[in-house]
PDB file of N, CA and C in Angstrom:
ATOM      1  N   MET A   1     -47.179 -15.900  56.633  1.00  0.00           N
ATOM      2  CA  MET A   1     -45.909 -16.368  56.486  1.00  0.00           C
ATOM      3  C   MET A   1     -45.342 -14.733  55.554  1.00  0.00           C
ATOM      4  N   ASP A   2     -44.487 -13.815  56.156  1.00  0.00           N
ATOM      5  CA  ASP A   2     -44.037 -12.658  55.315  1.00  0.00           C
ATOM      6  C   ASP A   2     -42.948 -13.173  54.802  1.00  0.00           C
ATOM      7  N   LYS A   3     -42.329 -12.012  53.949  1.00  0.00           N
ATOM      8  CA  LYS A   3     -41.307 -12.249  52.936  1.00  0.00           C
ATOM      9  C   LYS A   3     -39.945 -12.601  53.621  1.00  0.00           C
ATOM     10  N   TRP A   4     -39.950 -11.825  54.964  1.00  0.00           N
ATOM     11  CA  TRP A   4     -38.328 -12.488  55.395  1.00  0.00           C
ATOM     12  C   TRP A   4     -38.368 -13.724  56.239  1.00  0.00           C
ATOM     13  N   GLU A   5     -39.771 -14.118  56.466  1.00  0.00           N
ATOM     14  CA  GLU A   5     -39.710 -15.502  56.847  1.00  0.00           C
ATOM     15  C   GLU A   5     -39.497 -16.435  55.990  1.00  0.00           C
ATOM     16  N   LYS A   6     -40.316 -16.428  54.587  1.00  0.00           N
ATOM     17  CA  LYS A   6     -40.189 -17.358  53.564  1.00  0.00           C
ATOM     18  C   LYS A   6     -38.693 -17.513  52.762  1.00  0.00           C
ATOM     19  N   GLN A   7     -37.891 -16.150  52.789  1.00  0.00           N
ATOM     20  CA  GLN A   7     -36.790 -16.095  52.840  1.00  0.00           C
ATOM     21  C   GLN A   7     -35.699 -17.118  53.630  1.00  0.00           C
ATOM     22  N   GLU A   8     -35.949 -17.070  54.985  1.00  0.00           N
ATOM     23  CA  GLU A   8     -35.100 -17.359  55.653  1.00  0.00           C
ATOM     24  C   GLU A   8     -35.628 -19.184  55.261  1.00  0.00           C
ATOM     25  N   LYS A   9     -36.441 -19.725  55.253  1.00  0.00           N
ATOM     26  CA  LYS A   9     -37.075 -20.928  55.040  1.00  0.00           C
ATOM     27  C   LYS A   9     -36.430 -21.534  53.906  1.00  0.00           C
ATOM     28  N   ASN A  10     -36.464 -20.899  53.011  1.00  0.00           N
ATOM     29  CA  ASN A  10     -35.723 -21.442  51.823  1.00  0.00           C
ATOM     30  C   ASN A  10     -34.185 -21.534  51.956  1.00  0.00           C
ATOM     31  N   LYS A  11     -33.639 -20.616  52.537  1.00  0.00           N
ATOM     32  CA  LYS A  11     -32.017 -20.673  52.781  1.00  0.00           C
ATOM     33  C   LYS A  11     -32.194 -21.902  53.532  1.00  0.00           C
ATOM     34  N   PHE A  12     -32.997 -21.982  54.360  1.00  0.00           N
ATOM     35  CA  PHE A  12     -32.421 -22.963  55.465  1.00  0.00           C
ATOM     36  C   PHE A  12     -32.492 -24.333  54.865  1.00  0.00           C
ATOM     37  N   GLU A  13     -33.618 -24.610  53.476  1.00  0.00           N
ATOM     38  CA  GLU A  13     -33.713 -26.038  52.893  1.00  0.00           C
ATOM     39  C   GLU A  13     -32.509 -26.369  51.886  1.00  0.00           C
ATOM     40  N   GLU A  14     -31.839 -24.718  51.145  1.00  0.00           N
ATOM     41  CA  GLU A  14     -31.073 -24.972  50.583  1.00  0.00           C
ATOM     42  C   GLU A  14     -29.349 -25.260  51.541  1.00  0.00           C
ATOM     43  N   TYR A  15     -29.545 -25.210  52.656  1.00  0.00           N
ATOM     44  CA  TYR A  15     -28.284 -25.283  53.504  1.00  0.00           C
ATOM     45  C   TYR A  15     -28.118 -26.786  53.623  1.00  0.00           C
ATOM     46  N   LYS A  16     -29.631 -27.349  53.857  1.00  0.00           N
ATOM     47  CA  LYS A  16     -29.432 -28.899  54.122  1.00  0.00           C
ATOM     48  C   LYS A  16     -29.190 -29.513  52.781  1.00  0.00           C
ATOM     49  N   ARG A  17     -29.288 -28.948  51.604  1.00  0.00           N
ATOM     50  CA  ARG A  17     -29.080 -29.935  50.319  1.00  0.00           C
ATOM     51  C   ARG A  17     -27.621 -29.756  50.057  1.00  0.00           C
ATOM     52  N   LYS A  18     -26.778 -28.652  50.428  1.00  0.00           N
ATOM     53  CA  LYS A  18     -25.561 -28.216  50.105  1.00  0.00           C
ATOM     54  C   LYS A  18     -25.182 -27.553  51.394  1.00  0.00           C
ATOM     55  N   PRO A  19     -24.373 -28.212  52.082  1.00  0.00           N
ATOM     56  CA  PRO A  19     -23.591 -27.902  53.395  1.00  0.00           C
ATOM     57  C   PRO A  19     -22.385 -26.753  53.243  1.00  0.00           C
ATOM     58  N   PHE A  20     -21.828 -26.911  52.440  1.00  0.00           N
ATOM     59  CA  PHE A  20     -21.096 -25.586  52.357  1.00  0.00           C
ATOM     60  C   PHE A  20     -20.904 -24.120  51.951  1.00  0.00           C
ATOM     61  N   ILE A  21     -22.399 -24.302  51.365  1.00  0.00           N
ATOM     62  CA  ILE A  21     -22.978 -22.914  51.149  1.00  0.00           C
ATOM     63  C   ILE A  21     -23.322 -22.158  52.667  1.00  0.00           C
ATOM     64  N   ASN A  22     -23.738 -22.799  53.345  1.00  0.00           N
ATOM     65  CA  ASN A  22     -23.918 -22.588  54.644  1.00  0.00           C
ATOM     66  C   ASN A  22     -22.696 -21.963  55.668  1.00  0.00           C
ATOM     67  N   PHE A  23     -21.292 -23.075  55.301  1.00  0.00           N
ATOM     68  CA  PHE A  23     -19.849 -22.345  55.527  1.00  0.00           C
ATOM     69  C   PHE A  23     -19.658 -21.019  55.339  1.00  0.00           C
ATOM     70  N   ALA A  24     -20.072 -20.884  53.571  1.00  0.00           N
ATOM     71  CA  ALA A  24     -19.318 -19.807  53.179  1.00  0.00           C
ATOM     72  C   ALA A  24     -20.417 -18.736  53.444  1.00  0.00           C
ATOM     73  N   ASP A  25     -21.594 -18.961  53.424  1.00  0.00           N
ATOM     74  CA  ASP A  25     -22.803 -17.588  54.162  1.00  0.00           C
ATOM     75  C   ASP A  25     -22.282 -17.381  55.401  1.00  0.00           C
ATOM     76  N   SER A  26     -21.789 -18.139  56.388  1.00  0.00           N
ATOM     77  CA  SER A  26     -21.131 -17.480  57.613  1.00  0.00           C
ATOM     78  C   SER A  26     -19.948 -17.335  57.774  1.00  0.00           C
ATOM     79  N   MET A  27     -19.037 -17.051  56.613  1.00  0.00           N
ATOM     80  CA  MET A  27     -17.468 -16.671  56.791  1.00  0.00           C
ATOM     81  C   MET A  27     -18.358 -15.219  56.196  1.00  0.00           C
ATOM     82  N   ASN A  28     -19.080 -14.791  55.307  1.00  0.00           N
ATOM     83  CA  ASN A  28     -19.350 -13.997  54.598  1.00  0.00           C
ATOM     84  C   ASN A  28     -19.802 -12.986  55.786  1.00  0.00           C
ATOM     85  N   ARG A  29     -20.636 -13.260  56.276  1.00  0.00           N
ATOM     86  CA  ARG A  29     -21.431 -12.570  57.460  1.00  0.00           C
ATOM     87  C   ARG A  29     -20.618 -12.194  58.554  1.00  0.00           C
ATOM     88  N   ALA A  30     -19.562 -13.058  58.800  1.00  0.00           N
ATOM     89  CA  ALA A  30     -18.265 -12.634  59.559  1.00  0.00           C
ATOM     90  C   ALA A  30     -17.624 -11.449  59.499  1.00  0.00           C
ATOM     91  N   GLU A  31     -17.080 -11.569  57.966  1.00  0.00           N
ATOM     92  CA  GLU A  31     -16.583 -10.887  57.752  1.00  0.00           C
ATOM     93  C   GLU A  31     -17.235  -9.217  57.477  1.00  0.00           C
ATOM     94  N   ILE A  32     -18.506  -9.008  56.705  1.00  0.00           N
ATOM     95  CA  ILE A  32     -19.305  -8.234  56.558  1.00  0.00           C
ATOM     96  C   ILE A  32     -20.268  -7.789  57.476  1.00  0.00           C
ATOM     97  N   GLY A  33     -21.242  -8.875  58.034  1.00  0.00           N
ATOM     98  CA  GLY A  33     -21.979  -8.380  58.994  1.00  0.00           C
ATOM     99  C   GLY A  33     -23.502  -8.666  58.729  1.00  0.00           C
ATOM    100  N   ASP A  34     -24.452  -8.653  59.373  1.00  0.00           N
ATOM    101  CA  ASP A  34     -25.891  -9.012  58.434  1.00  0.00           C
ATOM    102  C   ASP A  34     -26.294  -7.106  59.393  1.00  0.00           C
ATOM    103  N   TRP A  35     -26.351  -6.388  58.141  1.00  0.00           N
ATOM    104  CA  TRP A  35     -27.144  -5.075  58.349  1.00  0.00           C
ATOM    105  C   TRP A  35     -28.410  -4.800  58.409  1.00  0.00           C
ATOM    106  N   ASN A  36     -29.010  -6.542  57.962  1.00  0.00           N
ATOM    107  CA  ASN A  36     -30.574  -6.712  58.142  1.00  0.00           C
ATOM    108  C   ASN A  36     -31.286  -6.718  59.860  1.00  0.00           C
ATOM    109  N   ALA A  37     -30.390  -7.020  60.829  1.00  0.00           N
ATOM    110  CA  ALA A  37     -30.805  -7.184  61.420  1.00  0.00           C
ATOM    111  C   ALA A  37     -30.775  -5.825  62.353  1.00  0.00           C
ATOM    112  N   LEU A  38     -29.974  -4.722  61.931  1.00  0.00           N
ATOM    113  CA  LEU A  38     -29.776  -3.384  62.500  1.00  0.00           C
ATOM    114  C   LEU A  38     -31.223  -2.732  62.243  1.00  0.00           C
ATOM    115  N   ALA A  39     -31.288  -2.841  60.734  1.00  0.00           N
ATOM    116  CA  ALA A  39     -32.923  -2.214  60.081  1.00  0.00           C
ATOM    117  C   ALA A  39     -34.118  -2.640  60.907  1.00  0.00           C
ATOM    118  N   LYS A  40     -34.294  -4.126  61.251  1.00  0.00           N
ATOM    119  CA  LYS A  40     -34.960  -4.282  61.583  1.00  0.00           C
ATOM    120  C   LYS A  40     -35.584  -3.683  63.346  1.00  0.00           C
ATOM    121  N   GLY A  41     -34.702  -3.210  63.941  1.00  0.00           N
ATOM    122  CA  GLY A  41     -34.719  -2.349  65.006  1.00  0.00           C
ATOM    123  C   GLY A  41     -35.547  -1.454  65.260  1.00  0.00           C
ATOM    124  N   GLY A  42     -35.908  -0.786  66.362  1.00  0.00           N
ATOM    125  CA  GLY A  42     -37.122   0.013  66.245  1.00  0.00           C
ATOM    126  C   GLY A  42     -36.172   1.199  66.430  1.00  0.00           C
ATOM    127  N   TYR A  43     -37.173   2.611  67.300  1.00  0.00           N
ATOM    128  CA  TYR A  43     -36.245   3.890  67.567  1.00  0.00           C
ATOM    129  C   TYR A  43     -34.985   3.631  68.488  1.00  0.00           C
ATOM    130  N   LEU A  44     -35.302   2.958  69.321  1.00  0.00           N
ATOM    131  CA  LEU A  44     -33.880   2.772  70.743  1.00  0.00           C
ATOM    132  C   LEU A  44     -33.007   1.799  70.001  1.00  0.00           C
ATOM    133  N   THR A  45     -32.835   1.129  69.001  1.00  0.00           N
ATOM    134  CA  THR A  45     -31.801   0.574  68.796  1.00  0.00           C
ATOM    135  C   THR A  45     -31.065   1.850  67.904  1.00  0.00           C
ATOM    136  N   THR A  46     -32.258   2.770  66.853  1.00  0.00           N
ATOM    137  CA  THR A  46     -31.502   3.562  66.119  1.00  0.00           C
ATOM    138  C   THR A  46     -30.587   4.604  67.247  1.00  0.00           C
ATOM    139  N   ILE A  47     -31.319   5.303  67.872  1.00  0.00           N
ATOM    140  CA  ILE A  47     -30.732   6.185  68.724  1.00  0.00           C
ATOM    141  C   ILE A  47     -29.576   5.391  69.425  1.00  0.00           C
ATOM    142  N   VAL A  48     -29.463   4.263  69.910  1.00  0.00           N
ATOM    143  CA  VAL A  48     -28.203   3.965  70.434  1.00  0.00           C
ATOM    144  C   VAL A  48     -27.133   3.698  69.525  1.00  0.00           C
ATOM    145  N   ILE A  49     -26.984   3.559  68.599  1.00  0.00           N
ATOM    146  CA  ILE A  49     -26.327   3.093  67.346  1.00  0.00           C
ATOM    147  C   ILE A  49     -25.576   4.699  67.008  1.00  0.00           C
ATOM    148  N   ILE A  50     -27.099   5.599  66.787  1.00  0.00           N
ATOM    149  CA  ILE A  50     -26.414   7.068  66.740  1.00  0.00           C
ATOM    150  C   ILE A  50     -25.616   7.668  67.651  1.00  0.00           C
ATOM    151  N   VAL A  51     -25.941   7.644  69.052  1.00  0.00           N
ATOM    152  CA  VAL A  51     -25.243   7.681  69.983  1.00  0.00           C
ATOM    153  C   VAL A  51     -23.816   7.313  69.857  1.00  0.00           C
ATOM    154  N   GLY A  52     -23.523   6.192  69.829  1.00  0.00           N
ATOM    155  CA  GLY A  52     -22.665   5.238  69.812  1.00  0.00           C
ATOM    156  C   GLY A  52     -21.570   5.815  68.976  1.00  0.00           C
ATOM    157  N   LEU A  53     -21.862   6.289  67.387  1.00  0.00           N
ATOM    158  CA  LEU A  53     -21.294   6.908  66.673  1.00  0.00           C
ATOM    159  C   LEU A  53     -20.728   8.045  66.825  1.00  0.00           C
ATOM    160  N   LEU A  54     -21.231   8.873  67.498  1.00  0.00           N
ATOM    161  CA  LEU A  54     -21.154  10.183  68.182  1.00  0.00           C
ATOM    162  C   LEU A  54     -20.034  10.201  69.249  1.00  0.00           C
ATOM    163  N   LEU A  55     -20.166   9.522  70.117  1.00  0.00           N
ATOM    164  CA  LEU A  55     -19.251   9.013  70.982  1.00  0.00           C
ATOM    165  C   LEU A  55     -18.005   8.399  70.284  1.00  0.00           C
ATOM    166  N   PHE A  56     -17.773   7.778  69.640  1.00  0.00           N
ATOM    167  CA  PHE A  56     -16.814   7.109  69.097  1.00  0.00           C
ATOM    168  C   PHE A  56     -16.239   8.374  68.047  1.00  0.00           C
ATOM    169  N   LEU A  57     -16.783   9.276  67.493  1.00  0.00           N
ATOM    170  CA  LEU A  57     -15.936  10.158  66.755  1.00  0.00           C
ATOM    171  C   LEU A  57     -15.922  11.358  67.487  1.00  0.00           C
ATOM    172  N   TYR A  58     -16.154  11.553  68.273  1.00  0.00           N
ATOM    173  CA  TYR A  58     -16.140  12.547  69.687  1.00  0.00           C
ATOM    174  C   TYR A  58     -14.502  12.359  70.402  1.00  0.00           C
ATOM    175  N   PHE A  59     -14.345  10.835  71.066  1.00  0.00           N
ATOM    176  CA  PHE A  59     -13.345  10.790  71.510  1.00  0.00           C
ATOM    177  C   PHE A  59     -12.458  10.104  70.601  1.00  0.00           C
ATOM    178  N   ARG A  60     -12.151   9.894  69.355  1.00  0.00           N
ATOM    179  CA  ARG A  60     -11.117   9.343  68.383  1.00  0.00           C
ATOM    180  C   ARG A  60      -9.781  10.062  68.443  1.00  0.00           C
TER     181      ARG A  60
END
């Protein structure tokens, strides 16, 4: 079990004990987003993000 899986397991156990923490965490992620999911992507994800940003800046 790696560090990320252990952290997710601990977070899930805490959500069981205190359900409103889950709601607050969901609201924060909806407003801010979860950058860890993007960071775990491979080269293809990084290339798509960079091309998307360049296109956005070009057509803005």
